[in-house]
């Protein structure tokens, strides 16, 4: 191909960019960012710092399996607005990505479409956020449940990008039988998608490549906060809990199903702790004696991990 035609071909390639911003409040906007890798616009809620007199760091805060769609979100189920009201940090939360594990899928899926979340979150999005919101370029990332796994996988994919990671109630394994069962429950049972479109066959290399346990050495140098509980009922198992809303049926589901899921996650988290200890990689682990897989505990985790995150990013 002649040089001129090659230059035109390169110039014609789509480029990731900020599409537009919707103002929600004094310090909250929804930024719509075009992802060239996924060829679509992704909405993200951005909370800006209390003090914008100097550039501030960014916390990428991911939702769970629902991906920020529906009511099972940081916005709907926690005190996120009040908590960050006096914090000097940009908080960026995708409002998309349900059942995708926020990872790069090897193939488009008939149900979930094209997903290149690792590329979007680690390569395309940060420079756009930095430019649009005048950040310091220093980042942390945190997530829960599905994204409690994802944030660790994103950190091993791009370890230089994050100063701190908060992983709340996520199974830090993707290539073990238990880890794959957890992934399949989210992607297949809830997302109705083909899990092999994500990382290929279950016995293939893609599952180990994205496994935080297998690749734990890549977490060295990152400040880590990892939490889980036994699954036994605790202080947030009551009719007044925000995730229960006075509904006895929801409370029973939180106790039974939330207890079972959290107990399995707890098993994964203890193995990660042992793995990091064997590698002499420091990390903060919060093992609760009581607690289910539910929002009250994830709000507690965000609060408890914030001092570590803030110190790491200079917030």
Protein backbone atom coordinates (compact mmCIF):
# COMPACT_ATOMS: atom_id res chain seq x y z
CA UNK A 1 0.00 0.00 0.00
CA UNK A 2 1.41 3.44 -0.95
CA UNK A 3 2.41 5.63 2.03
CA UNK A 4 -0.33 8.18 1.32
CA UNK A 5 -3.02 5.51 1.30
CA UNK A 6 -1.59 3.94 4.44
CA UNK A 7 -1.68 7.32 6.20
CA UNK A 8 -5.30 7.79 5.16
CA UNK A 9 -6.14 4.27 6.39
CA UNK A 10 -4.60 5.04 9.81
CA UNK A 11 -6.34 8.41 9.97
CA UNK A 12 -9.68 6.75 9.20
CA UNK A 13 -9.47 4.42 12.21
CA UNK A 14 -11.94 5.37 14.96
CA UNK A 15 -10.41 7.07 17.99
CA UNK A 16 -11.65 6.81 21.57
CA UNK A 17 -12.92 10.18 22.74
CA UNK A 18 -15.26 12.07 25.03
CA UNK A 19 -18.61 12.27 23.28
CA UNK A 20 -20.48 14.58 25.64
CA UNK A 21 -21.16 15.31 29.30
CA UNK A 22 -24.52 15.50 31.07
CA UNK A 23 -24.53 17.60 34.23
CA UNK A 24 -26.44 15.95 37.08
CA UNK A 25 -25.47 18.21 39.97
CA UNK A 26 -22.84 20.58 41.29
CA UNK A 27 -20.26 17.79 41.48
CA UNK A 28 -21.80 14.90 39.56
CA UNK A 29 -21.89 14.39 35.80
CA UNK A 30 -22.40 11.53 33.39
CA UNK A 31 -19.56 11.42 30.86
CA UNK A 32 -20.28 9.59 27.62
CA UNK A 33 -17.04 8.16 26.22
CA UNK A 34 -16.70 6.51 22.82
CA UNK A 35 -14.65 3.30 23.00
CA UNK A 36 -12.96 2.46 19.72
CA UNK A 37 -12.25 -1.06 20.97
CA UNK A 38 -15.96 -1.74 21.61
CA UNK A 39 -17.27 0.67 18.94
CA UNK A 40 -19.86 2.16 21.25
CA UNK A 41 -20.37 4.99 23.71
CA UNK A 42 -20.03 4.05 27.38
CA UNK A 43 -21.73 6.19 30.06
CA UNK A 44 -19.79 6.80 33.27
CA UNK A 45 -20.87 8.68 36.37
CA UNK A 46 -18.12 11.02 37.56
CA UNK A 47 -18.03 12.61 40.98
CA UNK A 48 -15.59 15.48 41.11
CA UNK A 49 -13.47 16.51 44.12
CA UNK A 50 -14.55 18.77 46.97
CA UNK A 51 -11.54 20.97 46.16
CA UNK A 52 -10.54 21.40 42.53
CA UNK A 53 -7.90 24.07 43.14
CA UNK A 54 -5.20 21.55 42.22
CA UNK A 55 -5.28 18.31 40.19
CA UNK A 56 -6.70 15.37 42.12
CA UNK A 57 -6.34 11.58 41.78
CA UNK A 58 -9.00 9.22 40.41
CA UNK A 59 -10.75 6.23 41.94
CA UNK A 60 -12.34 3.92 39.39
CA UNK A 61 -15.21 2.37 41.36
CA UNK A 62 -16.85 -0.57 39.58
CA UNK A 63 -20.30 -2.02 40.21
CA UNK A 64 -21.01 -5.73 40.53
CA UNK A 65 -22.62 -8.18 38.12
CA UNK A 66 -25.30 -5.71 37.04
CA UNK A 67 -22.67 -3.31 35.74
CA UNK A 68 -24.32 -0.14 36.99
CA UNK A 69 -27.65 -0.91 35.32
CA UNK A 70 -30.72 -1.33 37.50
CA UNK A 71 -30.85 -0.83 41.26
CA UNK A 72 -28.02 -3.08 42.49
CA UNK A 73 -25.48 -0.25 42.32
CA UNK A 74 -23.22 1.89 44.46
CA UNK A 75 -25.56 4.80 43.75
CA UNK A 76 -28.77 3.06 44.77
CA UNK A 77 -27.56 0.92 47.66
CA UNK A 78 -24.91 2.93 49.53
CA UNK A 79 -24.10 6.35 50.94
CA UNK A 80 -21.61 7.06 48.16
CA UNK A 81 -22.75 10.68 47.67
CA UNK A 82 -22.43 11.57 51.32
CA UNK A 83 -19.21 9.61 51.76
CA UNK A 84 -17.34 11.35 48.95
CA UNK A 85 -18.81 14.80 49.69
CA UNK A 86 -15.64 15.93 51.48
CA UNK A 87 -13.13 13.76 49.60
CA UNK A 88 -10.57 15.21 47.19
CA UNK A 89 -10.79 12.55 44.52
CA UNK A 90 -12.48 11.98 41.18
CA UNK A 91 -14.74 8.91 41.39
CA UNK A 92 -15.48 7.29 38.03
CA UNK A 93 -18.08 4.51 37.75
CA UNK A 94 -19.08 2.81 34.46
CA UNK A 95 -22.85 2.52 33.99
CA UNK A 96 -22.46 -0.42 31.63
CA UNK A 97 -20.75 -3.81 31.50
CA UNK A 98 -23.26 -6.17 33.09
CA UNK A 99 -22.09 -9.80 33.40
CA UNK A 100 -18.88 -9.10 31.44
CA UNK A 101 -16.28 -9.33 34.23
CA UNK A 102 -14.94 -6.04 32.87
CA UNK A 103 -12.46 -7.95 30.75
CA UNK A 104 -11.49 -8.29 27.10
CA UNK A 105 -13.61 -11.01 25.47
CA UNK A 106 -11.94 -12.94 22.67
CA UNK A 107 -15.16 -13.01 20.61
CA UNK A 108 -18.32 -10.97 20.32
CA UNK A 109 -21.20 -12.60 22.18
CA UNK A 110 -24.72 -12.88 20.68
CA UNK A 111 -26.23 -11.63 23.96
CA UNK A 112 -23.61 -9.31 25.51
CA UNK A 113 -22.08 -8.02 22.30
CA UNK A 114 -18.51 -6.77 21.99
CA UNK A 115 -16.64 -6.39 25.25
CA UNK A 116 -13.11 -5.04 25.47
CA UNK A 117 -13.25 -3.70 28.99
CA UNK A 118 -9.60 -4.24 29.91
CA UNK A 119 -8.59 -2.19 26.88
CA UNK A 120 -11.20 0.46 27.64
CA UNK A 121 -10.49 0.79 31.37
CA UNK A 122 -6.70 0.59 31.24
CA UNK A 123 -5.84 2.21 27.88
CA UNK A 124 -8.67 4.23 26.37
CA UNK A 125 -10.42 5.78 29.36
CA UNK A 126 -7.69 7.07 31.73
CA UNK A 127 -6.18 9.70 29.38
CA UNK A 128 -9.68 10.91 28.50
CA UNK A 129 -10.64 11.26 32.17
CA UNK A 130 -7.31 12.92 32.97
CA UNK A 131 -7.78 15.50 30.22
CA UNK A 132 -11.46 16.20 30.80
CA UNK A 133 -11.31 16.48 34.58
CA UNK A 134 -7.82 17.82 35.18
CA UNK A 135 -6.70 14.91 37.31
CA UNK A 136 -3.28 14.27 38.80
CA UNK A 137 -2.92 11.10 36.71
CA UNK A 138 -2.71 8.95 39.86
CA UNK A 139 -5.25 6.12 40.02
CA UNK A 140 -6.83 3.51 42.25
CA UNK A 141 -9.55 0.98 41.50
CA UNK A 142 -12.12 -0.83 43.63
CA UNK A 143 -15.02 -3.20 43.06
CA UNK A 144 -17.32 -5.76 44.62
CA UNK A 145 -18.53 -9.27 43.88
CA UNK A 146 -17.97 -9.79 40.12
CA UNK A 147 -15.82 -6.68 39.91
CA UNK A 148 -14.02 -7.68 43.12
CA UNK A 149 -12.39 -10.24 40.84
CA UNK A 150 -12.14 -7.79 37.94
CA UNK A 151 -10.20 -5.10 39.79
CA UNK A 152 -7.48 -7.60 40.64
CA UNK A 153 -7.43 -8.91 37.06
CA UNK A 154 -7.18 -5.35 35.73
CA UNK A 155 -4.31 -4.70 38.12
CA UNK A 156 -2.33 -7.70 36.89
CA UNK A 157 -3.05 -6.62 33.30
CA UNK A 158 -1.72 -3.09 33.88
CA UNK A 159 0.08 -3.02 37.25
CA UNK A 160 1.69 0.37 36.68
CA UNK A 161 -1.70 2.08 36.31
CA UNK A 162 -2.99 1.64 39.88
CA UNK A 163 -1.48 2.68 43.18
CA UNK A 164 -4.17 0.87 45.20
CA UNK A 165 -6.84 -1.80 44.73
CA UNK A 166 -9.91 -2.49 46.86
CA UNK A 167 -11.44 -5.92 46.19
CA UNK A 168 -14.62 -6.58 48.16
CA UNK A 169 -16.16 -10.08 48.20
CA UNK A 170 -14.64 -11.18 44.89
CA UNK A 171 -13.19 -14.63 44.20
CA UNK A 172 -9.56 -14.00 43.22
CA UNK A 173 -9.41 -17.14 41.08
CA UNK A 174 -10.53 -17.74 37.51
CA UNK A 175 -8.74 -20.94 36.49
CA UNK A 176 -9.75 -23.20 39.40
CA UNK A 177 -12.94 -25.23 39.48
CA UNK A 178 -14.45 -22.98 42.15
CA UNK A 179 -13.38 -19.79 40.41
CA UNK A 180 -14.79 -20.95 37.09
CA UNK A 181 -18.06 -21.98 38.73
CA UNK A 182 -18.38 -18.47 40.13
CA UNK A 183 -17.68 -16.90 36.71
CA UNK A 184 -20.11 -19.22 34.95
CA UNK A 185 -22.84 -18.41 37.45
CA UNK A 186 -22.51 -14.72 36.56
CA UNK A 187 -21.87 -14.96 32.81
CA UNK A 188 -24.05 -17.96 31.87
CA UNK A 189 -26.76 -18.24 34.52
CA UNK A 190 -27.35 -14.51 34.98
CA UNK A 191 -26.02 -13.03 31.74
CA UNK A 192 -27.30 -15.80 29.44
CA UNK A 193 -24.02 -15.53 27.52
CA UNK A 194 -21.46 -18.05 26.28
CA UNK A 195 -18.59 -18.04 28.77
CA UNK A 196 -16.17 -19.41 26.17
CA UNK A 197 -16.61 -16.19 24.21
CA UNK A 198 -14.92 -14.48 27.14
CA UNK A 199 -11.63 -16.31 27.68
CA UNK A 200 -12.00 -19.37 25.46
CA UNK A 201 -12.33 -23.02 26.54
CA UNK A 202 -12.36 -23.64 30.29
CA UNK A 203 -9.12 -25.62 30.01
CA UNK A 204 -7.51 -23.00 27.76
CA UNK A 205 -4.80 -20.47 28.66
CA UNK A 206 -7.08 -17.42 28.82
CA UNK A 207 -8.47 -18.37 32.22
CA UNK A 208 -5.03 -18.58 33.80
CA UNK A 209 -3.85 -15.40 32.09
CA UNK A 210 -6.58 -13.45 33.89
CA UNK A 211 -6.25 -15.26 37.23
CA UNK A 212 -5.06 -12.95 40.07
CA UNK A 213 -4.01 -15.94 42.18
CA UNK A 214 -1.82 -17.40 39.42
CA UNK A 215 -0.37 -13.97 38.55
CA UNK A 216 -0.13 -12.66 42.10
CA UNK A 217 3.48 -11.54 41.62
CA UNK A 218 2.18 -8.73 39.39
CA UNK A 219 0.36 -7.26 42.41
CA UNK A 220 3.65 -6.48 44.12
CA UNK A 221 4.01 -2.78 44.86
CA UNK A 222 0.26 -2.06 44.78
CA UNK A 223 -1.53 -1.24 48.04
CA UNK A 224 -4.16 -3.96 48.44
CA UNK A 225 -7.32 -4.17 50.53
CA UNK A 226 -9.20 -7.46 50.16
CA UNK A 227 -12.30 -8.45 52.13
CA UNK A 228 -14.73 -11.31 52.62
CA UNK A 229 -16.91 -12.84 55.33
CA UNK A 230 -18.04 -16.26 56.49
CA UNK A 231 -21.56 -15.96 55.12
CA UNK A 232 -23.14 -16.15 58.57
CA UNK A 233 -25.84 -13.51 59.26
CA UNK A 234 -24.42 -10.30 60.65
CA UNK A 235 -25.40 -6.72 61.43
CA UNK A 236 -26.82 -5.98 57.96
CA UNK A 237 -29.22 -8.92 57.97
CA UNK A 238 -32.34 -7.09 59.13
CA UNK A 239 -35.51 -5.66 57.65
CA UNK A 240 -34.17 -2.13 57.95
CA UNK A 241 -31.14 -2.77 55.74
CA UNK A 242 -31.08 -0.70 52.56
CA UNK A 243 -30.69 -3.81 50.42
CA UNK A 244 -33.73 -5.44 52.08
CA UNK A 245 -36.15 -2.48 52.10
CA UNK A 246 -38.42 -4.11 54.68
CA UNK A 247 -39.13 -7.13 52.45
CA UNK A 248 -38.98 -10.46 54.36
CA UNK A 249 -38.43 -12.34 51.11
CA UNK A 250 -35.40 -10.25 50.24
CA UNK A 251 -34.05 -10.74 53.75
CA UNK A 252 -34.37 -14.52 53.47
CA UNK A 253 -32.64 -14.45 50.07
CA UNK A 254 -29.83 -12.30 51.46
CA UNK A 255 -29.33 -14.69 54.37
CA UNK A 256 -29.53 -17.92 52.35
CA UNK A 257 -28.14 -17.14 48.89
CA UNK A 258 -25.98 -14.26 50.07
CA UNK A 259 -24.58 -16.49 52.77
CA UNK A 260 -23.73 -19.32 50.37
CA UNK A 261 -22.05 -17.02 47.84
CA UNK A 262 -20.04 -15.19 50.48
CA UNK A 263 -18.83 -18.44 52.06
CA UNK A 264 -17.46 -19.56 48.68
CA UNK A 265 -15.82 -16.16 48.13
CA UNK A 266 -14.31 -16.38 51.61
CA UNK A 267 -12.61 -19.65 50.65
CA UNK A 268 -11.03 -17.98 47.59
CA UNK A 269 -9.93 -14.97 49.65
CA UNK A 270 -8.16 -17.05 52.28
CA UNK A 271 -6.22 -18.81 49.53
CA UNK A 272 -5.20 -15.46 48.04
CA UNK A 273 -4.00 -14.33 51.46
CA UNK A 274 -1.84 -17.43 51.78
CA UNK A 275 -0.51 -16.96 48.25
CA UNK A 276 0.49 -13.34 48.84
CA UNK A 277 2.03 -14.26 52.17
CA UNK A 278 4.14 -16.96 50.49
CA UNK A 279 5.38 -14.35 48.00
CA UNK A 280 6.02 -11.81 50.77
CA UNK A 281 3.62 -9.34 49.14
CA UNK A 282 2.00 -7.11 51.76
CA UNK A 283 -1.78 -6.70 51.73
CA UNK A 284 -4.59 -5.76 54.08
CA UNK A 285 -7.16 -8.54 54.48
CA UNK A 286 -10.47 -8.05 56.26
CA UNK A 287 -11.96 -11.42 57.20
CA UNK A 288 -15.30 -10.80 58.88
CA UNK A 289 -16.67 -13.44 61.25
CA UNK A 290 -20.20 -12.59 60.08
CA UNK A 291 -21.64 -11.14 56.90
CA UNK A 292 -23.30 -12.09 53.63
CA UNK A 293 -22.80 -11.13 49.99
CA UNK A 294 -24.66 -7.85 50.26
CA UNK A 295 -24.42 -4.08 49.98
CA UNK A 296 -24.21 -3.12 53.64
CA UNK A 297 -20.86 -4.89 53.94
CA UNK A 298 -19.55 -3.40 50.70
CA UNK A 299 -20.36 0.07 51.97
CA UNK A 300 -18.45 -0.82 55.13
CA UNK A 301 -15.55 -2.05 52.99
CA UNK A 302 -15.43 1.16 50.97
CA UNK A 303 -15.29 3.18 54.19
CA UNK A 304 -12.69 0.91 55.78
CA UNK A 305 -10.42 0.78 52.72
CA UNK A 306 -10.59 4.48 51.94
CA UNK A 307 -7.77 5.61 54.28
CA UNK A 308 -5.40 3.15 52.57
CA UNK A 309 -6.56 4.19 49.11
CA UNK A 310 -6.40 7.90 49.92
CA UNK A 311 -2.88 7.56 51.27
CA UNK A 312 -1.74 5.61 48.21
CA UNK A 313 -3.08 8.14 45.68
CA UNK A 314 -2.52 11.32 47.70
CA UNK A 315 -6.18 12.24 48.11
